[in-house]
């Protein structure tokens, strides 16, 4: 079982892979925003 993680500016993405005879198979995936969706995005703001 392998896990991939992408931490981006707007969201975090994760995938879970399993190895099969033909290569890799996607088992599960998910995304989660990393900013408050109720507020307007400001690239200059540092929290």
Protein backbone atom coordinates (compact mmCIF):
# COMPACT_ATOMS: atom_id res chain seq x y z
CA UNK A 1 0.00 0.00 0.00
CA UNK A 2 1.34 3.44 -0.94
CA UNK A 3 0.09 6.92 -0.09
CA UNK A 4 0.64 10.11 -2.09
CA UNK A 5 0.21 13.58 -0.59
CA UNK A 6 0.06 16.95 -2.37
CA UNK A 7 0.03 20.02 -0.12
CA UNK A 8 -1.04 22.93 -2.28
CA UNK A 9 -1.94 26.55 -1.70
CA UNK A 10 -5.67 25.98 -1.69
CA UNK A 11 -6.15 22.33 -0.70
CA UNK A 12 -4.44 19.16 0.42
CA UNK A 13 -4.91 16.10 -1.78
CA UNK A 14 -4.19 12.50 -0.76
CA UNK A 15 -4.33 9.22 -2.69
CA UNK A 16 -3.99 5.61 -1.58
CA UNK A 17 -2.57 3.17 -4.13
CA UNK A 18 -2.08 -0.58 -4.20
CA UNK A 19 0.33 -2.47 -6.43
CA UNK A 20 -1.21 -4.92 -8.88
CA UNK A 21 0.31 -7.15 -11.57
CA UNK A 22 -0.51 -4.48 -14.19
CA UNK A 23 0.89 -1.54 -12.18
CA UNK A 24 -0.81 0.55 -9.52
CA UNK A 25 -4.51 0.80 -8.71
CA UNK A 26 -6.23 3.77 -7.06
CA UNK A 27 -7.83 2.57 -3.83
CA UNK A 28 -8.99 5.83 -2.26
CA UNK A 29 -8.56 9.59 -2.60
CA UNK A 30 -9.56 12.76 -0.78
CA UNK A 31 -9.18 16.54 -0.74
CA UNK A 32 -9.48 19.12 2.01
CA UNK A 33 -9.35 22.93 1.68
CA UNK A 34 -6.58 24.64 3.67
CA UNK A 35 -8.23 28.04 3.91
CA UNK A 36 -11.46 29.30 5.41
CA UNK A 37 -14.04 29.19 2.61
CA UNK A 38 -16.20 31.79 4.38
CA UNK A 39 -13.48 34.45 3.98
CA UNK A 40 -12.16 35.96 0.78
CA UNK A 41 -8.73 34.58 -0.17
CA UNK A 42 -5.87 37.06 0.32
CA UNK A 43 -2.44 35.91 -0.91
CA UNK A 44 -0.72 38.57 1.23
CA UNK A 45 -2.33 37.48 4.51
CA UNK A 46 -0.24 35.34 6.86
CA UNK A 47 -2.02 33.60 9.72
